[in-house]
Amino acid sequence: MKINATSSKMATPIEEKVDQNLKTRTGMVMISDGKSKPELARLHLSMEMITIQKQDTTTPAPTPTNATHPPIESKERMVQITRQKVGGLGLSIKGGAEHKLPILISRIYKDQAADATGQLFVGDAIIKVNGEYITACPHDDAVNILRNAGDIVVLTVKHYRAATPFLQKQFPLMMAYVTRYIYGTDKLRPNAFEVRGLNGTTTGIIHCDDLAILSQWLKYITDNVVGLTSLQMKLFNRNFPVGERIEYMGWVNEGVINNHISWQSYKPRFLVLKGTEVMLFDSPPLNVSGLTKANVAYKVYQTMFRVVKESETVDSRQHCFLLQSSGHEPRYLSVETRQELLRIENSWNAAIVTSVIKLGRKTFAVSHHGKTGGLTLDWQAGFSLTEGADAAVIWQYKFSQLRGSSDDGKSKLKLHFQDHETRTIETKELECHVLQSLLFCMHAFLTAKVASVDPTFLSSIQQA
């Protein structure tokens, strides 16, 4: 007897089922590989998985040779089969209780036992085997019952005309992302998207002519991906103390320079903001040790984050931002939605506060009026300049006293402070050979101070 262990749902009319609390959705879409003509398929979204059910056009499902068509009326029928020594019962089944489906005959093999009866059809649900109900049986149990039912087997069946064979593919949403862009380009698909996961796996191109339905699919899938990613972050963060925890992780796309043409193509990168570092991976870290294997890692307090204005984008990619660390070329990155860009921006501000508080203070070698000294940025005290072997403090100002700064882009820096008593502006001229690093760090300290003005925000960072 042939038993097919593949299970599938029945083909039913187009349906839409949305449950915002459970984040589930089922509906009919068109799916393609991006090259061939799209085919009709059912898409089912659960919290952790996308299931694609596509009609199996490669598996023949002949009707018995001595019957012209399956029964029109879906009444229960009793059919007796005599098991053959070669081929057994001559049928395959799908479904089962674990799939919330009946046990369905998915294939009848020509000139074998089931075919010889002339009374069994693809789409028949097996209700009883030798008078015993199997409607509540898991798939494997049903296989065993049929396999051990004896040489003469009486099946009680009921036909479902919609139960045509389907191929089923499951796609996990953990560490996945949704994209409407043609892979590696800035070209937006007008009415389609795909879900890509670990190691470049993909659902294929999912087409929706109705833009409202397309938007709903995008929202629900994205919500589930974000929810799973947040759960993974919490699991990772159990291993880290405050100050070293992950603020953000998710997929971005980086513009890649080819043949000296900027942003000619895009490469998916997995971005992680953890403690004092911003990291980029080619594939997501699957465990704590994986977090140490970033392709790129910068210190947050020495890196500038800037959202690219719509008028400044280099191509058709939207929702772009720049990351530039001292001594490195800027990285041009994009995400799929405005909401995701805001998530990264908010997480960046949180990471800045965390990294600056953890750093505490940072000193840069500078020259002041021809004398060698050290300019210190201190989270509590602000700016201070020291000179000499005894590191005597020459001047000191709070961050709130800074009224502006200017530089020549090379090594010279002017800081403009306001005296608390006289209210006059005092300008301090410095020279620093790592000017960019100083400027980025100064920006980080100032950003952290501005953010910390909100007690609720600072409290949430310290307790996260």
Protein backbone atom coordinates (compact mmCIF):
# COMPACT_ATOMS: atom_id res chain seq x y z
CA MET A 1 0.00 0.00 0.00
CA LYS A 2 1.33 3.42 -0.86
CA ILE A 3 0.83 6.11 1.77
CA ASN A 4 1.96 9.65 1.02
CA ALA A 5 3.13 11.36 4.23
CA THR A 6 2.64 14.83 2.80
CA SER A 7 -0.34 16.63 4.28
CA SER A 8 -2.27 19.50 2.77
CA LYS A 9 -5.32 21.67 3.25
CA MET A 10 -8.21 21.44 0.87
CA ALA A 11 -8.65 23.91 -1.96
CA THR A 12 -11.54 26.12 -0.95
CA PRO A 13 -12.99 29.32 -2.44
CA ILE A 14 -11.01 32.51 -1.82
CA GLU A 15 -11.14 33.31 1.88
CA GLU A 16 -9.81 36.02 4.17
CA LYS A 17 -9.32 35.40 7.87
CA VAL A 18 -7.69 38.00 10.08
CA ASP A 19 -7.14 37.83 13.82
CA GLN A 20 -5.07 40.76 15.06
CA ASN A 21 -4.50 39.23 18.48
CA LEU A 22 -3.19 35.94 17.13
CA LYS A 23 -1.69 37.61 14.08
CA THR A 24 -3.05 35.00 11.69
CA ARG A 25 -4.32 35.39 8.16
CA THR A 26 -5.32 33.07 5.34
CA GLY A 27 -6.03 34.01 1.73
CA MET A 28 -5.48 33.20 -1.92
CA VAL A 29 -2.61 34.91 -3.74
CA MET A 30 -0.53 34.42 -6.86
CA ILE A 31 3.06 33.20 -6.41
CA SER A 32 5.94 33.09 -8.89
CA ASP A 33 9.71 32.68 -8.98
CA GLY A 34 10.04 36.09 -10.61
CA LYS A 35 10.50 34.58 -14.07
CA SER A 36 7.59 32.26 -14.83
CA LYS A 37 3.88 33.03 -14.83
CA PRO A 38 2.38 33.39 -11.31
CA GLU A 39 0.28 30.48 -10.05
CA LEU A 40 -2.65 30.47 -7.67
CA ALA A 41 -1.77 29.47 -4.11
CA ARG A 42 -3.10 29.72 -0.59
CA LEU A 43 -1.03 31.72 1.90
CA HIS A 44 -1.46 31.08 5.61
CA LEU A 45 0.25 33.30 8.16
CA SER A 46 0.74 32.19 11.75
CA MET A 47 2.78 33.88 14.47
CA GLU A 48 5.96 31.98 13.56
CA MET A 49 5.43 30.67 10.05
CA ILE A 50 4.19 31.33 6.55
CA THR A 51 2.68 28.28 4.87
CA ILE A 52 2.32 28.26 1.10
CA GLN A 53 -0.03 25.72 -0.44
CA LYS A 54 0.18 25.44 -4.20
CA GLN A 55 -1.72 23.01 -6.38
CA ASP A 56 0.36 19.98 -7.30
CA THR A 57 0.24 19.91 -11.09
CA THR A 58 3.03 17.32 -11.33
CA THR A 59 1.24 14.50 -9.48
CA PRO A 60 -1.33 12.66 -11.63
CA ALA A 61 -4.64 11.96 -9.97
CA PRO A 62 -6.52 9.68 -12.37
CA THR A 63 -10.03 8.54 -11.72
CA PRO A 64 -10.68 4.81 -11.63
CA THR A 65 -10.68 3.19 -15.04
CA ASN A 66 -14.21 1.87 -14.64
CA ALA A 67 -15.75 5.20 -13.46
CA THR A 68 -16.48 8.31 -15.47
CA HIS A 69 -16.46 10.92 -12.68
CA PRO A 70 -16.52 11.18 -8.87
CA PRO A 71 -19.91 11.34 -7.13
CA ILE A 72 -21.70 14.67 -7.23
CA GLU A 73 -23.45 14.16 -3.91
CA SER A 74 -21.10 14.12 -0.92
CA LYS A 75 -22.81 11.23 0.84
CA GLU A 76 -20.98 8.60 2.88
CA ARG A 77 -20.19 5.44 0.88
CA MET A 78 -18.81 2.06 1.89
CA VAL A 79 -16.18 0.61 -0.44
CA GLN A 80 -14.50 -2.79 -0.06
CA ILE A 81 -10.86 -3.16 -1.22
CA THR A 82 -8.88 -6.36 -1.58
CA ARG A 83 -5.26 -5.69 -0.75
CA GLN A 84 -2.79 -6.74 -3.44
CA LYS A 85 0.58 -8.34 -2.69
CA VAL A 86 2.27 -5.72 -4.85
CA GLY A 87 1.05 -2.18 -4.30
CA GLY A 88 -1.10 -2.84 -1.22
CA LEU A 89 -4.27 -0.74 -1.28
CA GLY A 90 -2.98 1.34 -4.20
CA LEU A 91 -3.67 4.78 -2.76
CA SER A 92 -1.92 7.67 -0.99
CA ILE A 93 -3.36 9.90 1.73
CA LYS A 94 -2.86 13.41 3.05
CA GLY A 95 -4.20 15.37 6.01
CA GLY A 96 -4.66 14.39 9.63
CA ALA A 97 -5.84 15.75 12.97
CA GLU A 98 -2.60 17.69 13.56
CA HIS A 99 -3.43 19.69 10.41
CA LYS A 100 -7.11 20.07 11.36
CA LEU A 101 -7.99 18.11 8.20
CA PRO A 102 -9.72 14.82 7.43
CA ILE A 103 -7.72 11.90 6.06
CA LEU A 104 -7.92 12.56 2.32
CA ILE A 105 -7.17 10.27 -0.60
CA SER A 106 -4.62 12.28 -2.55
CA ARG A 107 -3.71 9.74 -5.24
CA ILE A 108 -5.11 6.55 -6.73
CA TYR A 109 -2.65 4.36 -8.62
CA LYS A 110 -3.81 3.01 -11.97
CA ASP A 111 -4.64 -0.70 -12.23
CA GLN A 112 -4.09 -1.26 -8.50
CA ALA A 113 -6.52 -2.20 -5.69
CA ALA A 114 -8.30 1.15 -5.08
CA ASP A 115 -8.54 1.81 -8.81
CA ALA A 116 -10.04 -1.65 -9.39
CA THR A 117 -13.03 -0.88 -7.18
CA GLY A 118 -14.21 1.92 -9.45
CA GLN A 119 -15.72 3.57 -6.37
CA LEU A 120 -12.86 5.58 -4.87
CA PHE A 121 -11.71 9.03 -6.00
CA VAL A 122 -9.09 11.64 -5.26
CA GLY A 123 -10.74 13.97 -2.77
CA ASP A 124 -12.52 11.21 -0.84
CA ALA A 125 -12.19 11.65 2.92
CA ILE A 126 -11.80 8.33 4.77
CA ILE A 127 -14.28 8.39 7.67
CA LYS A 128 -13.94 4.77 8.89
CA VAL A 129 -11.63 1.81 8.35
CA ASN A 130 -13.40 -1.53 8.94
CA GLY A 131 -16.13 0.32 10.86
CA GLU A 132 -13.72 2.22 13.15
CA TYR A 133 -13.68 6.04 12.96
CA ILE A 134 -10.34 7.63 12.03
CA THR A 135 -11.58 11.22 11.75
CA ALA A 136 -9.62 12.26 14.87
CA CYS A 137 -6.42 10.41 13.90
CA PRO A 138 -3.09 12.09 13.24
CA HIS A 139 -1.64 11.37 9.82
CA ASP A 140 0.89 8.73 10.94
CA ASP A 141 -1.75 6.85 12.96
CA ALA A 142 -4.03 6.72 9.93
CA VAL A 143 -1.15 5.31 7.86
CA ASN A 144 -0.61 2.54 10.42
CA ILE A 145 -4.34 1.73 10.66
CA LEU A 146 -4.62 1.34 6.89
CA ARG A 147 -1.38 -0.63 6.72
CA ASN A 148 -2.58 -3.12 9.36
CA ALA A 149 -6.28 -3.33 8.38
CA GLY A 150 -6.01 -6.83 6.84
CA ASP A 151 -6.39 -8.16 3.33
CA ILE A 152 -10.07 -7.22 2.99
CA VAL A 153 -10.53 -3.54 3.94
CA VAL A 154 -13.87 -1.73 4.12
CA LEU A 155 -13.54 2.06 3.83
CA THR A 156 -16.34 4.47 4.67
CA VAL A 157 -15.67 7.57 2.58
CA LYS A 158 -17.19 10.95 1.77
CA HIS A 159 -16.17 12.98 -1.27
CA TYR A 160 -14.98 16.61 -1.19
CA ARG A 161 -14.81 18.01 -4.68
CA ALA A 162 -12.50 20.82 -3.60
CA ALA A 163 -9.89 18.46 -2.14
CA THR A 164 -7.36 18.57 -4.99
CA PRO A 165 -3.72 17.75 -4.20
CA PHE A 166 -1.60 20.62 -2.92
CA LEU A 167 2.11 21.06 -2.41
CA GLN A 168 2.94 22.67 0.91
CA LYS A 169 5.95 24.78 1.82
CA GLN A 170 6.56 26.24 5.26
CA PHE A 171 8.74 29.30 5.77
CA PRO A 172 9.86 30.33 9.29
CA LEU A 173 9.57 34.04 10.13
CA MET A 174 12.28 34.12 12.78
CA MET A 175 15.09 36.42 11.54
CA ALA A 176 13.23 36.96 8.24
CA TYR A 177 12.31 40.19 6.48
CA VAL A 178 9.69 41.42 4.02
CA THR A 179 10.76 43.28 0.90
CA ARG A 180 9.00 44.81 -2.07
CA TYR A 181 12.26 45.54 -3.88
CA ILE A 182 13.65 43.32 -6.61
CA TYR A 183 16.57 41.64 -4.90
CA GLY A 184 19.78 43.69 -4.96
CA THR A 185 18.23 46.70 -6.69
CA ASP A 186 16.32 49.92 -5.98
CA LYS A 187 13.41 48.78 -8.18
CA LEU A 188 10.13 48.57 -6.27
CA ARG A 189 7.57 45.92 -7.21
CA PRO A 190 4.24 47.77 -7.61
CA ASN A 191 1.96 44.93 -6.48
CA ALA A 192 4.15 42.18 -5.07
CA PHE A 193 6.56 41.29 -2.29
CA GLU A 194 8.64 38.40 -1.00
CA VAL A 195 9.74 37.20 2.40
CA ARG A 196 13.42 36.37 2.68
CA GLY A 197 15.02 34.50 5.53
CA LEU A 198 18.21 32.87 6.67
CA ASN A 199 20.77 31.99 4.00
CA GLY A 200 18.78 33.72 1.28
CA THR A 201 15.73 31.44 1.42
CA THR A 202 12.60 32.99 -0.03
CA THR A 203 8.86 32.41 -0.25
CA GLY A 204 8.96 33.40 -3.89
CA ILE A 205 7.26 36.49 -5.27
CA ILE A 206 3.77 36.94 -3.78
CA HIS A 207 1.46 38.93 -6.07
CA CYS A 208 -1.67 40.84 -4.98
CA ASP A 209 -3.57 42.92 -7.53
CA ASP A 210 -5.62 44.53 -4.76
CA LEU A 211 -3.30 47.09 -3.10
CA ALA A 212 -5.41 47.12 0.07
CA ILE A 213 -4.94 43.36 0.50
CA LEU A 214 -1.24 43.76 -0.35
CA SER A 215 -0.87 46.36 2.41
CA GLN A 216 -2.62 44.08 4.90
CA TRP A 217 -0.33 41.17 4.10
CA LEU A 218 2.73 43.40 4.46
CA LYS A 219 1.55 44.75 7.81
CA TYR A 220 0.65 41.41 9.38
CA ILE A 221 3.80 39.63 8.21
CA THR A 222 6.00 42.53 9.31
CA ASP A 223 4.27 42.70 12.71
CA ASN A 224 4.95 39.01 13.26
CA VAL A 225 8.59 39.31 12.20
CA VAL A 226 9.10 42.29 14.53
CA GLY A 227 7.42 40.39 17.37
CA LEU A 228 9.66 37.35 16.89
CA THR A 229 12.76 39.54 16.64
CA SER A 230 11.84 41.32 19.89
CA LEU A 231 11.41 37.93 21.56
CA GLN A 232 14.84 36.84 20.32
CA MET A 233 16.36 40.08 21.65
CA LYS A 234 14.89 39.40 25.09
CA LEU A 235 16.32 35.88 25.07
CA PHE A 236 19.76 37.19 24.10
CA ASN A 237 19.61 39.98 26.69
CA ARG A 238 19.22 37.50 29.54
CA ASN A 239 22.93 36.90 29.09
CA PHE A 240 24.02 40.54 29.33
CA PRO A 241 24.12 43.16 32.09
CA VAL A 242 22.60 46.62 31.66
CA GLY A 243 24.90 48.60 29.39
CA GLU A 244 25.71 45.62 27.17
CA ARG A 245 22.21 44.69 26.05
CA ILE A 246 20.81 44.72 22.54
CA GLU A 247 18.72 47.78 21.66
CA TYR A 248 17.88 46.79 18.09
CA MET A 249 18.37 44.06 15.55
CA GLY A 250 16.90 43.61 12.11
CA TRP A 251 17.59 43.53 8.38
CA VAL A 252 18.74 46.54 6.38
CA ASN A 253 20.08 46.85 2.84
CA GLU A 254 23.48 48.39 2.15
CA GLY A 255 24.36 50.20 -1.03
CA VAL A 256 27.35 48.47 -2.65
CA ILE A 257 29.83 50.32 -4.82
CA ASN A 258 30.52 48.48 -8.10
CA ASN A 259 32.78 49.76 -10.87
CA HIS A 260 33.02 53.12 -9.13
CA ILE A 261 29.27 53.67 -9.50
CA SER A 262 27.82 54.44 -6.08
CA TRP A 263 24.92 52.32 -4.86
CA GLN A 264 24.68 50.31 -8.09
CA SER A 265 23.35 47.36 -6.13
CA TYR A 266 22.21 46.49 -2.61
CA LYS A 267 23.23 43.73 -0.24
CA PRO A 268 21.12 42.60 2.73
CA ARG A 269 22.82 43.15 6.08
CA PHE A 270 21.68 42.27 9.59
CA LEU A 271 22.15 45.28 11.89
CA VAL A 272 22.59 44.94 15.65
CA LEU A 273 22.89 47.74 18.23
CA LYS A 274 24.41 46.20 21.33
CA GLY A 275 25.88 48.09 24.27
CA THR A 276 28.52 50.46 22.92
CA GLU A 277 28.68 48.86 19.45
CA VAL A 278 26.83 48.93 16.15
CA MET A 279 27.43 45.77 14.13
CA LEU A 280 26.65 44.53 10.63
CA PHE A 281 26.39 40.82 9.78
CA ASP A 282 25.94 39.01 6.47
CA SER A 283 23.55 36.63 8.24
CA PRO A 284 21.81 36.94 11.63
CA PRO A 285 23.60 35.67 14.76
CA LEU A 286 21.73 32.57 15.92
CA ASN A 287 23.19 32.48 19.42
CA VAL A 288 25.15 34.61 21.89
CA SER A 289 28.52 33.52 20.54
CA GLY A 290 27.40 34.56 17.06
CA LEU A 291 27.23 38.16 18.25
CA THR A 292 31.04 38.20 18.41
CA LYS A 293 31.39 37.41 14.70
CA ALA A 294 30.23 40.65 13.07
CA ASN A 295 31.61 41.56 9.65
CA VAL A 296 31.70 45.21 10.74
CA ALA A 297 31.71 46.66 14.26
CA TYR A 298 31.91 50.35 15.25
CA LYS A 299 31.73 52.10 18.59
CA VAL A 300 28.40 53.90 18.82
CA TYR A 301 29.94 56.94 20.53
CA GLN A 302 32.37 57.36 17.61
CA THR A 303 29.79 56.85 14.87
CA MET A 304 27.38 59.32 13.29
CA PHE A 305 23.84 58.26 12.41
CA ARG A 306 21.96 60.48 9.96
CA VAL A 307 18.60 59.98 8.26
CA VAL A 308 18.88 60.81 4.57
CA LYS A 309 16.32 63.36 3.42
CA GLU A 310 14.10 62.37 0.52
CA SER A 311 15.72 65.04 -1.66
CA GLU A 312 19.17 63.56 -0.91
CA THR A 313 18.56 59.89 -1.77
CA VAL A 314 20.88 58.57 -4.47
CA ASP A 315 18.30 56.41 -6.28
CA SER A 316 14.74 55.10 -5.93
CA ARG A 317 15.36 53.48 -2.53
CA GLN A 318 13.41 55.20 0.23
CA HIS A 319 13.88 55.31 4.02
CA CYS A 320 17.67 55.60 3.90
CA PHE A 321 20.26 56.50 6.51
CA LEU A 322 24.02 56.92 6.82
CA LEU A 323 26.39 55.36 9.33
CA GLN A 324 29.84 56.89 9.47
CA SER A 325 32.51 55.89 11.95
CA SER A 326 35.71 57.82 12.41
CA GLY A 327 38.37 56.69 9.94
CA HIS A 328 35.90 54.75 7.77
CA GLU A 329 33.88 55.48 4.65
CA PRO A 330 30.19 56.16 5.31
CA ARG A 331 27.75 53.29 4.83
CA TYR A 332 24.54 54.01 2.93
CA LEU A 333 21.68 51.85 4.24
CA SER A 334 17.96 51.54 3.66
CA VAL A 335 14.93 49.81 5.21
CA GLU A 336 11.51 48.97 3.85
CA THR A 337 9.26 51.37 5.79
CA ARG A 338 9.22 54.69 7.58
CA GLN A 339 8.17 52.89 10.76
CA GLU A 340 11.29 50.70 10.65
CA LEU A 341 13.51 53.74 10.10
CA LEU A 342 11.95 55.39 13.17
CA ARG A 343 12.56 52.20 15.19
CA ILE A 344 16.24 52.32 14.27
CA GLU A 345 16.49 56.05 15.00
CA ASN A 346 14.88 55.66 18.44
CA SER A 347 17.06 52.64 19.20
CA TRP A 348 20.13 54.59 18.12
CA ASN A 349 19.33 57.40 20.57
CA ALA A 350 18.88 54.83 23.32
CA ALA A 351 22.19 53.17 22.37
CA ILE A 352 23.94 56.57 22.44
CA VAL A 353 22.78 57.18 26.03
CA THR A 354 23.76 53.65 27.09
CA SER A 355 27.20 53.85 25.48
CA VAL A 356 28.01 57.32 26.83
CA ILE A 357 26.93 56.43 30.38
CA LYS A 358 29.02 53.26 30.20
CA LEU A 359 32.01 55.13 28.73
CA GLY A 360 31.76 57.89 31.34
CA ARG A 361 34.59 60.03 30.02
CA LYS A 362 36.88 60.22 27.03
CA THR A 363 40.09 62.26 26.64
CA PHE A 364 41.63 63.42 23.35
CA ALA A 365 45.15 64.73 22.86
CA VAL A 366 44.95 68.36 21.70
CA SER A 367 47.08 71.46 21.33
CA HIS A 368 45.95 74.74 22.96
CA HIS A 369 47.90 77.94 22.28
CA GLY A 370 50.86 75.82 21.25
CA LYS A 371 50.81 73.73 24.41
CA THR A 372 50.04 70.00 24.54
CA GLY A 373 47.02 69.08 26.59
CA GLY A 374 44.03 66.82 26.90
CA LEU A 375 40.40 67.68 26.16
CA THR A 376 38.14 65.52 28.31
CA LEU A 377 34.44 64.88 27.69
CA ASP A 378 32.89 63.80 30.98
CA TRP A 379 29.26 62.61 31.28
CA GLN A 380 28.86 64.37 34.64
CA ALA A 381 31.27 67.34 34.45
CA GLY A 382 31.20 68.36 30.78
CA PHE A 383 34.26 69.78 28.95
CA SER A 384 37.65 70.29 30.58
CA LEU A 385 41.13 71.08 29.31
CA THR A 386 44.21 69.90 31.20
CA GLU A 387 47.87 70.69 30.58
CA GLY A 388 51.24 69.69 31.96
CA ALA A 389 52.56 66.63 33.72
CA ASP A 390 50.25 67.22 36.65
CA ALA A 391 47.19 67.49 34.33
CA ALA A 392 46.22 70.86 35.76
CA VAL A 393 42.72 72.00 34.74
CA ILE A 394 43.02 75.12 32.54
CA TRP A 395 39.31 75.60 31.92
CA GLN A 396 36.05 73.70 32.41
CA TYR A 397 32.51 74.13 31.11
CA LYS A 398 29.24 72.19 31.36
CA PHE A 399 27.71 70.75 28.23
CA SER A 400 24.83 73.21 28.62
CA GLN A 401 27.27 76.11 28.22
CA LEU A 402 28.28 75.13 24.68
CA ARG A 403 26.72 77.54 22.21
CA GLY A 404 28.32 76.31 19.03
CA SER A 405 31.41 74.96 17.33
CA SER A 406 33.25 75.23 14.04
CA ASP A 407 36.15 73.40 12.42
CA ASP A 408 38.25 73.40 9.24
CA GLY A 409 37.59 69.74 8.50
CA LYS A 410 41.22 68.86 9.13
CA SER A 411 42.54 69.49 12.64
CA LYS A 412 41.43 72.89 13.93
CA LEU A 413 38.39 73.26 16.19
CA LYS A 414 36.69 76.23 17.84
CA LEU A 415 34.34 75.76 20.78
CA HIS A 416 32.07 78.64 21.80
CA PHE A 417 30.98 78.65 25.47
CA GLN A 418 28.77 81.11 27.37
CA ASP A 419 29.92 82.28 30.78
CA HIS A 420 27.16 81.74 33.37
CA GLU A 421 27.81 85.04 35.15
CA THR A 422 28.82 87.53 32.44
CA ARG A 423 26.73 85.82 29.68
CA THR A 424 29.58 86.58 27.27
CA ILE A 425 30.71 84.05 24.65
CA GLU A 426 34.20 82.67 25.15
CA THR A 427 35.87 80.92 22.21
CA LYS A 428 38.45 78.19 22.79
CA GLU A 429 40.69 77.23 19.88
CA LEU A 430 42.12 73.71 19.78
CA GLU A 431 44.01 71.51 17.37
CA CYS A 432 43.45 67.75 17.26
CA HIS A 433 44.96 65.21 14.87
CA VAL A 434 41.94 62.91 15.23
CA LEU A 435 39.41 65.70 14.73
CA GLN A 436 36.66 63.53 13.22
CA SER A 437 36.82 61.10 16.12
CA LEU A 438 36.62 63.99 18.60
CA LEU A 439 33.67 65.57 16.79
CA PHE A 440 31.72 62.30 16.61
CA CYS A 441 32.34 61.59 20.30
CA MET A 442 31.37 65.14 21.25
CA HIS A 443 28.15 64.76 19.26
CA ALA A 444 27.41 61.51 21.11
CA PHE A 445 27.86 63.13 24.54
CA LEU A 446 25.67 66.09 23.57
CA THR A 447 22.97 63.81 22.11
CA ALA A 448 22.97 61.74 25.29
CA LYS A 449 22.64 64.86 27.43
CA VAL A 450 19.68 66.11 25.41
CA ALA A 451 17.99 62.71 25.66
CA SER A 452 18.61 62.54 29.40
CA VAL A 453 16.63 65.74 29.95
CA ASP A 454 13.58 63.46 29.73
CA PRO A 455 13.66 61.53 33.03
CA THR A 456 11.25 58.91 31.72
CA PHE A 457 13.49 58.21 28.74
CA LEU A 458 16.63 57.95 30.84
CA SER A 459 14.91 55.70 33.37
CA SER A 460 13.74 53.36 30.62
CA ILE A 461 17.29 53.10 29.28
CA GLN A 462 18.82 52.34 32.66
CA GLN A 463 16.20 49.72 33.53
CA ALA A 464 15.95 48.03 30.13
